[in-house]
PDB file of all heavy atoms in Angstrom:
ATOM      1  N   SER A   1     -44.623  27.728  19.765  1.00  0.00           N
ATOM      2  CA  SER A   1     -43.297  28.037  20.255  1.00  0.00           C
ATOM      3  C   SER A   1     -43.398  28.682  21.611  1.00  0.00           C
ATOM      4  O   SER A   1     -42.865  29.867  21.946  1.00  0.00           O
ATOM      5  CB  SER A   1     -42.507  29.033  19.328  1.00  0.00           C
ATOM      6  OG  SER A   1     -42.376  28.413  18.026  1.00  0.00           O
ATOM      7  N   LEU A   2     -44.230  28.106  22.419  1.00  0.00           N
ATOM      8  CA  LEU A   2     -44.490  28.657  23.762  1.00  0.00           C
ATOM      9  C   LEU A   2     -43.356  28.724  24.609  1.00  0.00           C
ATOM     10  O   LEU A   2     -42.369  27.885  24.517  1.00  0.00           O
ATOM     11  CB  LEU A   2     -45.676  27.887  24.490  1.00  0.00           C
ATOM     12  CG  LEU A   2     -47.019  28.121  23.922  1.00  0.00           C
ATOM     13  CD1 LEU A   2     -48.004  27.074  24.225  1.00  0.00           C
ATOM     14  CD2 LEU A   2     -47.506  29.451  24.502  1.00  0.00           C
ATOM     15  N   LYS A   3     -43.294  29.759  25.451  1.00  0.00           N
ATOM     16  CA  LYS A   3     -42.115  29.968  26.372  1.00  0.00           C
ATOM     17  C   LYS A   3     -42.626  29.996  27.765  1.00  0.00           C
ATOM     18  O   LYS A   3     -43.742  30.375  28.072  1.00  0.00           O
ATOM     19  CB  LYS A   3     -41.432  31.317  26.009  1.00  0.00           C
ATOM     20  CG  LYS A   3     -41.000  31.523  24.550  1.00  0.00           C
ATOM     21  CD  LYS A   3     -40.501  32.936  24.404  1.00  0.00           C
ATOM     22  CE  LYS A   3     -40.027  33.041  22.863  1.00  0.00           C
ATOM     23  NZ  LYS A   3     -39.577  34.459  22.629  1.00  0.00           N
ATOM     24  N   PRO A   4     -41.734  29.755  28.763  1.00  0.00           N
ATOM     25  CA  PRO A   4     -42.204  29.770  30.116  1.00  0.00           C
ATOM     26  C   PRO A   4     -42.762  31.158  30.559  1.00  0.00           C
ATOM     27  O   PRO A   4     -43.698  31.186  31.387  1.00  0.00           O
ATOM     28  CB  PRO A   4     -40.787  29.579  30.900  1.00  0.00           C
ATOM     29  CG  PRO A   4     -40.014  28.690  30.038  1.00  0.00           C
ATOM     30  CD  PRO A   4     -40.386  29.198  28.652  1.00  0.00           C
ATOM     31  N   GLU A   5     -42.329  32.312  29.879  1.00  0.00           N
ATOM     32  CA  GLU A   5     -42.847  33.569  30.229  1.00  0.00           C
ATOM     33  C   GLU A   5     -44.282  33.760  29.664  1.00  0.00           C
ATOM     34  O   GLU A   5     -44.965  34.785  29.977  1.00  0.00           O
ATOM     35  CB  GLU A   5     -41.972  34.627  29.711  1.00  0.00           C
ATOM     36  CG  GLU A   5     -41.512  34.555  28.321  1.00  0.00           C
ATOM     37  CD  GLU A   5     -40.184  33.907  28.046  1.00  0.00           C
ATOM     38  OE1 GLU A   5     -39.848  32.884  28.838  1.00  0.00           O
ATOM     39  OE2 GLU A   5     -39.347  34.364  27.344  1.00  0.00           O
ATOM     40  N   ASP A   6     -44.811  32.815  28.930  1.00  0.00           N
ATOM     41  CA  ASP A   6     -46.187  32.880  28.395  1.00  0.00           C
ATOM     42  C   ASP A   6     -47.174  32.322  29.425  1.00  0.00           C
ATOM     43  O   ASP A   6     -48.420  32.410  29.353  1.00  0.00           O
ATOM     44  CB  ASP A   6     -46.305  32.060  27.227  1.00  0.00           C
ATOM     45  CG  ASP A   6     -45.601  32.696  25.962  1.00  0.00           C
ATOM     46  OD1 ASP A   6     -45.586  33.837  25.782  1.00  0.00           O
ATOM     47  OD2 ASP A   6     -44.921  31.842  25.133  1.00  0.00           O
ATOM     48  N   THR A   7     -46.646  31.749  30.521  1.00  0.00           N
ATOM     49  CA  THR A   7     -47.413  31.276  31.604  1.00  0.00           C
ATOM     50  C   THR A   7     -48.226  32.256  32.196  1.00  0.00           C
ATOM     51  O   THR A   7     -47.761  33.386  32.623  1.00  0.00           O
ATOM     52  CB  THR A   7     -46.588  30.612  32.686  1.00  0.00           C
ATOM     53  OG1 THR A   7     -45.862  29.451  32.165  1.00  0.00           O
ATOM     54  CG2 THR A   7     -47.497  30.135  33.938  1.00  0.00           C
ATOM     55  N   ALA A   8     -49.609  32.190  32.275  1.00  0.00           N
ATOM     56  CA  ALA A   8     -50.635  33.098  32.676  1.00  0.00           C
ATOM     57  C   ALA A   8     -51.949  32.538  32.640  1.00  0.00           C
ATOM     58  O   ALA A   8     -52.239  31.493  32.072  1.00  0.00           O
ATOM     59  CB  ALA A   8     -50.514  34.414  31.876  1.00  0.00           C
ATOM     60  N   VAL A   9     -52.907  33.332  33.250  1.00  0.00           N
ATOM     61  CA  VAL A   9     -54.270  33.010  33.024  1.00  0.00           C
ATOM     62  C   VAL A   9     -54.675  33.865  31.815  1.00  0.00           C
ATOM     63  O   VAL A   9     -54.469  34.999  31.774  1.00  0.00           O
ATOM     64  CB  VAL A   9     -55.182  33.338  34.206  1.00  0.00           C
ATOM     65  CG1 VAL A   9     -56.650  33.043  33.939  1.00  0.00           C
ATOM     66  CG2 VAL A   9     -54.716  32.554  35.469  1.00  0.00           C
ATOM     67  N   TYR A  10     -55.284  33.145  30.829  1.00  0.00           N
ATOM     68  CA  TYR A  10     -55.749  33.825  29.639  1.00  0.00           C
ATOM     69  C   TYR A  10     -57.223  34.127  29.605  1.00  0.00           C
ATOM     70  O   TYR A  10     -58.001  33.168  29.970  1.00  0.00           O
ATOM     71  CB  TYR A  10     -55.327  32.920  28.350  1.00  0.00           C
ATOM     72  CG  TYR A  10     -53.851  33.021  28.106  1.00  0.00           C
ATOM     73  CD1 TYR A  10     -52.877  32.410  28.920  1.00  0.00           C
ATOM     74  CD2 TYR A  10     -53.455  33.703  26.888  1.00  0.00           C
ATOM     75  CE1 TYR A  10     -51.524  32.573  28.746  1.00  0.00           C
ATOM     76  CE2 TYR A  10     -52.006  33.760  26.724  1.00  0.00           C
ATOM     77  CZ  TYR A  10     -51.221  33.176  27.541  1.00  0.00           C
ATOM     78  OH  TYR A  10     -49.768  33.266  27.352  1.00  0.00           O
ATOM     79  N   TYR A  11     -57.551  35.330  29.305  1.00  0.00           N
ATOM     80  CA  TYR A  11     -59.011  35.702  29.370  1.00  0.00           C
ATOM     81  C   TYR A  11     -59.521  36.121  27.952  1.00  0.00           C
ATOM     82  O   TYR A  11     -58.849  36.841  27.261  1.00  0.00           O
ATOM     83  CB  TYR A  11     -59.188  36.955  30.316  1.00  0.00           C
ATOM     84  CG  TYR A  11     -58.850  36.699  31.761  1.00  0.00           C
ATOM     85  CD1 TYR A  11     -57.639  36.850  32.305  1.00  0.00           C
ATOM     86  CD2 TYR A  11     -59.807  36.208  32.530  1.00  0.00           C
ATOM     87  CE1 TYR A  11     -57.301  36.587  33.586  1.00  0.00           C
ATOM     88  CE2 TYR A  11     -59.570  35.894  33.950  1.00  0.00           C
ATOM     89  CZ  TYR A  11     -58.290  36.198  34.404  1.00  0.00           C
ATOM     90  OH  TYR A  11     -58.009  35.890  35.659  1.00  0.00           O
ATOM     91  N   CYS A  12     -60.632  35.675  27.533  1.00  0.00           N
ATOM     92  CA  CYS A  12     -61.273  36.054  26.370  1.00  0.00           C
ATOM     93  C   CYS A  12     -62.035  37.362  26.694  1.00  0.00           C
ATOM     94  O   CYS A  12     -62.549  37.593  27.737  1.00  0.00           O
ATOM     95  CB  CYS A  12     -62.290  34.946  25.916  1.00  0.00           C
ATOM     96  SG  CYS A  12     -63.398  35.414  24.615  1.00  0.00           S
ATOM     97  N   ASN A  13     -62.086  38.308  25.619  1.00  0.00           N
ATOM     98  CA  ASN A  13     -62.749  39.485  25.838  1.00  0.00           C
ATOM     99  C   ASN A  13     -63.524  39.813  24.515  1.00  0.00           C
ATOM    100  O   ASN A  13     -63.060  39.571  23.411  1.00  0.00           O
ATOM    101  CB  ASN A  13     -61.639  40.683  25.945  1.00  0.00           C
ATOM    102  CG  ASN A  13     -62.266  41.996  25.965  1.00  0.00           C
ATOM    103  OD1 ASN A  13     -62.323  42.736  24.972  1.00  0.00           O
ATOM    104  ND2 ASN A  13     -62.870  42.407  27.090  1.00  0.00           N
ATOM    105  N   VAL A  14     -64.756  40.204  24.773  1.00  0.00           N
ATOM    106  CA  VAL A  14     -65.633  40.653  23.618  1.00  0.00           C
ATOM    107  C   VAL A  14     -66.168  42.007  23.881  1.00  0.00           C
ATOM    108  O   VAL A  14     -66.699  42.355  24.930  1.00  0.00           O
ATOM    109  CB  VAL A  14     -66.891  39.651  23.523  1.00  0.00           C
ATOM    110  CG1 VAL A  14     -67.909  40.143  22.546  1.00  0.00           C
ATOM    111  CG2 VAL A  14     -66.367  38.210  23.117  1.00  0.00           C
ATOM    112  N   LYS A  15     -65.993  42.865  22.817  1.00  0.00           N
ATOM    113  CA  LYS A  15     -66.386  44.297  22.891  1.00  0.00           C
ATOM    114  C   LYS A  15     -67.505  44.463  22.010  1.00  0.00           C
ATOM    115  O   LYS A  15     -67.523  44.241  20.854  1.00  0.00           O
ATOM    116  CB  LYS A  15     -65.253  45.177  22.584  1.00  0.00           C
ATOM    117  CG  LYS A  15     -64.019  45.158  23.494  1.00  0.00           C
ATOM    118  CD  LYS A  15     -62.998  46.132  23.097  1.00  0.00           C
ATOM    119  CE  LYS A  15     -61.655  45.877  23.801  1.00  0.00           C
ATOM    120  NZ  LYS A  15     -61.844  46.011  25.292  1.00  0.00           N
ATOM    121  N   THR A  16     -68.634  45.080  22.594  1.00  0.00           N
ATOM    122  CA  THR A  16     -69.729  45.602  21.803  1.00  0.00           C
ATOM    123  C   THR A  16     -69.728  47.182  21.900  1.00  0.00           C
ATOM    124  O   THR A  16     -68.811  47.693  22.687  1.00  0.00           O
ATOM    125  CB  THR A  16     -71.118  45.066  22.296  1.00  0.00           C
ATOM    126  OG1 THR A  16     -71.347  45.644  23.542  1.00  0.00           O
ATOM    127  CG2 THR A  16     -71.055  43.587  22.367  1.00  0.00           C
ATOM    128  N   GLY A  17     -70.597  47.848  21.284  1.00  0.00           N
ATOM    129  CA  GLY A  17     -70.599  49.338  21.505  1.00  0.00           C
ATOM    130  C   GLY A  17     -70.852  49.761  22.910  1.00  0.00           C
ATOM    131  O   GLY A  17     -70.416  50.775  23.427  1.00  0.00           O
ATOM    132  N   ALA A  18     -71.629  48.912  23.556  1.00  0.00           N
ATOM    133  CA  ALA A  18     -72.148  49.268  24.976  1.00  0.00           C
ATOM    134  C   ALA A  18     -71.387  48.571  26.109  1.00  0.00           C
ATOM    135  O   ALA A  18     -71.175  49.228  27.132  1.00  0.00           O
ATOM    136  CB  ALA A  18     -73.582  49.049  25.117  1.00  0.00           C
ATOM    137  N   TYR A  19     -70.976  47.352  25.845  1.00  0.00           N
ATOM    138  CA  TYR A  19     -70.373  46.621  26.965  1.00  0.00           C
ATOM    139  C   TYR A  19     -69.107  45.901  26.553  1.00  0.00           C
ATOM    140  O   TYR A  19     -68.833  45.593  25.429  1.00  0.00           O
ATOM    141  CB  TYR A  19     -71.351  45.549  27.457  1.00  0.00           C
ATOM    142  CG  TYR A  19     -72.749  46.087  27.881  1.00  0.00           C
ATOM    143  CD1 TYR A  19     -73.825  46.027  27.032  1.00  0.00           C
ATOM    144  CD2 TYR A  19     -72.854  46.685  29.151  1.00  0.00           C
ATOM    145  CE1 TYR A  19     -75.103  46.600  27.486  1.00  0.00           C
ATOM    146  CE2 TYR A  19     -74.055  47.175  29.593  1.00  0.00           C
ATOM    147  CZ  TYR A  19     -75.124  47.143  28.779  1.00  0.00           C
ATOM    148  OH  TYR A  19     -76.326  47.726  29.197  1.00  0.00           O
ATOM    149  N   ASP A  20     -68.393  45.570  27.572  1.00  0.00           N
ATOM    150  CA  ASP A  20     -67.172  44.730  27.548  1.00  0.00           C
ATOM    151  C   ASP A  20     -67.531  43.388  28.282  1.00  0.00           C
ATOM    152  O   ASP A  20     -67.962  43.455  29.487  1.00  0.00           O
ATOM    153  CB  ASP A  20     -65.960  45.373  28.181  1.00  0.00           C
ATOM    154  CG  ASP A  20     -64.878  45.680  27.382  1.00  0.00           C
ATOM    155  OD1 ASP A  20     -65.117  45.819  26.091  1.00  0.00           O
ATOM    156  OD2 ASP A  20     -63.724  45.878  27.731  1.00  0.00           O
ATOM    157  N   TYR A  21     -67.300  42.327  27.687  1.00  0.00           N
ATOM    158  CA  TYR A  21     -67.537  40.997  28.347  1.00  0.00           C
ATOM    159  C   TYR A  21     -66.200  40.196  28.421  1.00  0.00           C
ATOM    160  O   TYR A  21     -65.343  40.204  27.586  1.00  0.00           O
ATOM    161  CB  TYR A  21     -68.495  40.163  27.503  1.00  0.00           C
ATOM    162  CG  TYR A  21     -69.954  40.822  27.346  1.00  0.00           C
ATOM    163  CD1 TYR A  21     -70.170  41.457  26.064  1.00  0.00           C
ATOM    164  CD2 TYR A  21     -70.844  40.768  28.298  1.00  0.00           C
ATOM    165  CE1 TYR A  21     -71.482  42.108  25.986  1.00  0.00           C
ATOM    166  CE2 TYR A  21     -72.168  41.342  28.200  1.00  0.00           C
ATOM    167  CZ  TYR A  21     -72.402  41.977  27.044  1.00  0.00           C
ATOM    168  OH  TYR A  21     -73.587  42.626  26.818  1.00  0.00           O
ATOM    169  N   TRP A  22     -66.083  39.552  29.643  1.00  0.00           N
ATOM    170  CA  TRP A  22     -64.928  38.649  29.965  1.00  0.00           C
ATOM    171  C   TRP A  22     -65.226  37.247  30.185  1.00  0.00           C
ATOM    172  O   TRP A  22     -66.314  36.969  30.801  1.00  0.00           O
ATOM    173  CB  TRP A  22     -64.196  39.259  31.096  1.00  0.00           C
ATOM    174  CG  TRP A  22     -63.621  40.656  30.814  1.00  0.00           C
ATOM    175  CD1 TRP A  22     -64.275  41.868  31.093  1.00  0.00           C
ATOM    176  CD2 TRP A  22     -62.356  41.019  30.366  1.00  0.00           C
ATOM    177  NE1 TRP A  22     -63.398  42.864  30.718  1.00  0.00           N
ATOM    178  CE2 TRP A  22     -62.233  42.329  30.242  1.00  0.00           C
ATOM    179  CE3 TRP A  22     -61.343  40.181  29.999  1.00  0.00           C
ATOM    180  CZ2 TRP A  22     -61.134  42.999  29.824  1.00  0.00           C
ATOM    181  CZ3 TRP A  22     -60.083  40.833  29.597  1.00  0.00           C
ATOM    182  CH2 TRP A  22     -60.070  42.122  29.463  1.00  0.00           C
ATOM    183  N   GLY A  23     -64.358  36.383  29.690  1.00  0.00           N
ATOM    184  CA  GLY A  23     -64.517  34.938  30.088  1.00  0.00           C
ATOM    185  C   GLY A  23     -63.891  34.697  31.490  1.00  0.00           C
ATOM    186  O   GLY A  23     -63.469  35.693  32.109  1.00  0.00           O
ATOM    187  N   GLN A  24     -64.092  33.523  31.952  1.00  0.00           N
ATOM    188  CA  GLN A  24     -63.680  33.220  33.319  1.00  0.00           C
ATOM    189  C   GLN A  24     -62.154  32.969  33.497  1.00  0.00           C
ATOM    190  O   GLN A  24     -61.621  32.883  34.520  1.00  0.00           O
ATOM    191  CB  GLN A  24     -64.374  31.903  33.809  1.00  0.00           C
ATOM    192  CG  GLN A  24     -63.820  30.620  33.303  1.00  0.00           C
ATOM    193  CD  GLN A  24     -64.127  30.253  31.905  1.00  0.00           C
ATOM    194  OE1 GLN A  24     -64.930  31.058  31.122  1.00  0.00           O
ATOM    195  NE2 GLN A  24     -63.784  29.090  31.388  1.00  0.00           N
ATOM    196  N   GLY A  25     -61.488  32.800  32.265  1.00  0.00           N
ATOM    197  CA  GLY A  25     -60.015  32.640  32.287  1.00  0.00           C
ATOM    198  C   GLY A  25     -59.667  31.187  32.208  1.00  0.00           C
ATOM    199  O   GLY A  25     -60.317  30.247  32.784  1.00  0.00           O
ATOM    200  N   THR A  26     -58.665  30.891  31.471  1.00  0.00           N
ATOM    201  CA  THR A  26     -58.042  29.537  31.455  1.00  0.00           C
ATOM    202  C   THR A  26     -56.534  29.624  31.688  1.00  0.00           C
ATOM    203  O   THR A  26     -55.846  30.461  31.123  1.00  0.00           O
ATOM    204  CB  THR A  26     -58.498  28.930  30.052  1.00  0.00           C
ATOM    205  OG1 THR A  26     -57.995  27.533  30.005  1.00  0.00           O
ATOM    206  CG2 THR A  26     -57.834  29.655  28.889  1.00  0.00           C
ATOM    207  N   GLN A  27     -56.080  28.693  32.504  1.00  0.00           N
ATOM    208  CA  GLN A  27     -54.669  28.572  32.874  1.00  0.00           C
ATOM    209  C   GLN A  27     -53.847  28.013  31.666  1.00  0.00           C
ATOM    210  O   GLN A  27     -54.165  26.938  31.210  1.00  0.00           O
ATOM    211  CB  GLN A  27     -54.467  27.844  34.146  1.00  0.00           C
ATOM    212  CG  GLN A  27     -52.990  27.849  34.577  1.00  0.00           C
ATOM    213  CD  GLN A  27     -52.420  29.096  35.140  1.00  0.00           C
ATOM    214  OE1 GLN A  27     -53.143  29.764  35.827  1.00  0.00           O
ATOM    215  NE2 GLN A  27     -51.200  29.397  34.583  1.00  0.00           N
ATOM    216  N   VAL A  28     -52.780  28.752  31.414  1.00  0.00           N
ATOM    217  CA  VAL A  28     -51.732  28.197  30.538  1.00  0.00           C
ATOM    218  C   VAL A  28     -50.373  28.219  31.177  1.00  0.00           C
ATOM    219  O   VAL A  28     -50.022  29.201  31.736  1.00  0.00           O
ATOM    220  CB  VAL A  28     -51.601  29.072  29.180  1.00  0.00           C
ATOM    221  CG1 VAL A  28     -50.431  28.643  28.436  1.00  0.00           C
ATOM    222  CG2 VAL A  28     -52.881  28.934  28.400  1.00  0.00           C
ATOM    223  N   THR A  29     -49.794  27.007  31.438  1.00  0.00           N
ATOM    224  CA  THR A  29     -48.544  26.834  32.117  1.00  0.00           C
ATOM    225  C   THR A  29     -47.604  26.162  31.091  1.00  0.00           C
ATOM    226  O   THR A  29     -47.789  25.145  30.555  1.00  0.00           O
ATOM    227  CB  THR A  29     -48.662  25.964  33.358  1.00  0.00           C
ATOM    228  OG1 THR A  29     -49.832  26.551  34.218  1.00  0.00           O
ATOM    229  CG2 THR A  29     -47.385  25.890  34.074  1.00  0.00           C
TER     230      THR A  29
END
């Protein structure tokens, strides 16, 4: 049920005890 306001770059995030990791981002329009 996607809406126009969901348009954004979506980033994956992984948290360990020591570090935060990020993906490069994927565009959703």
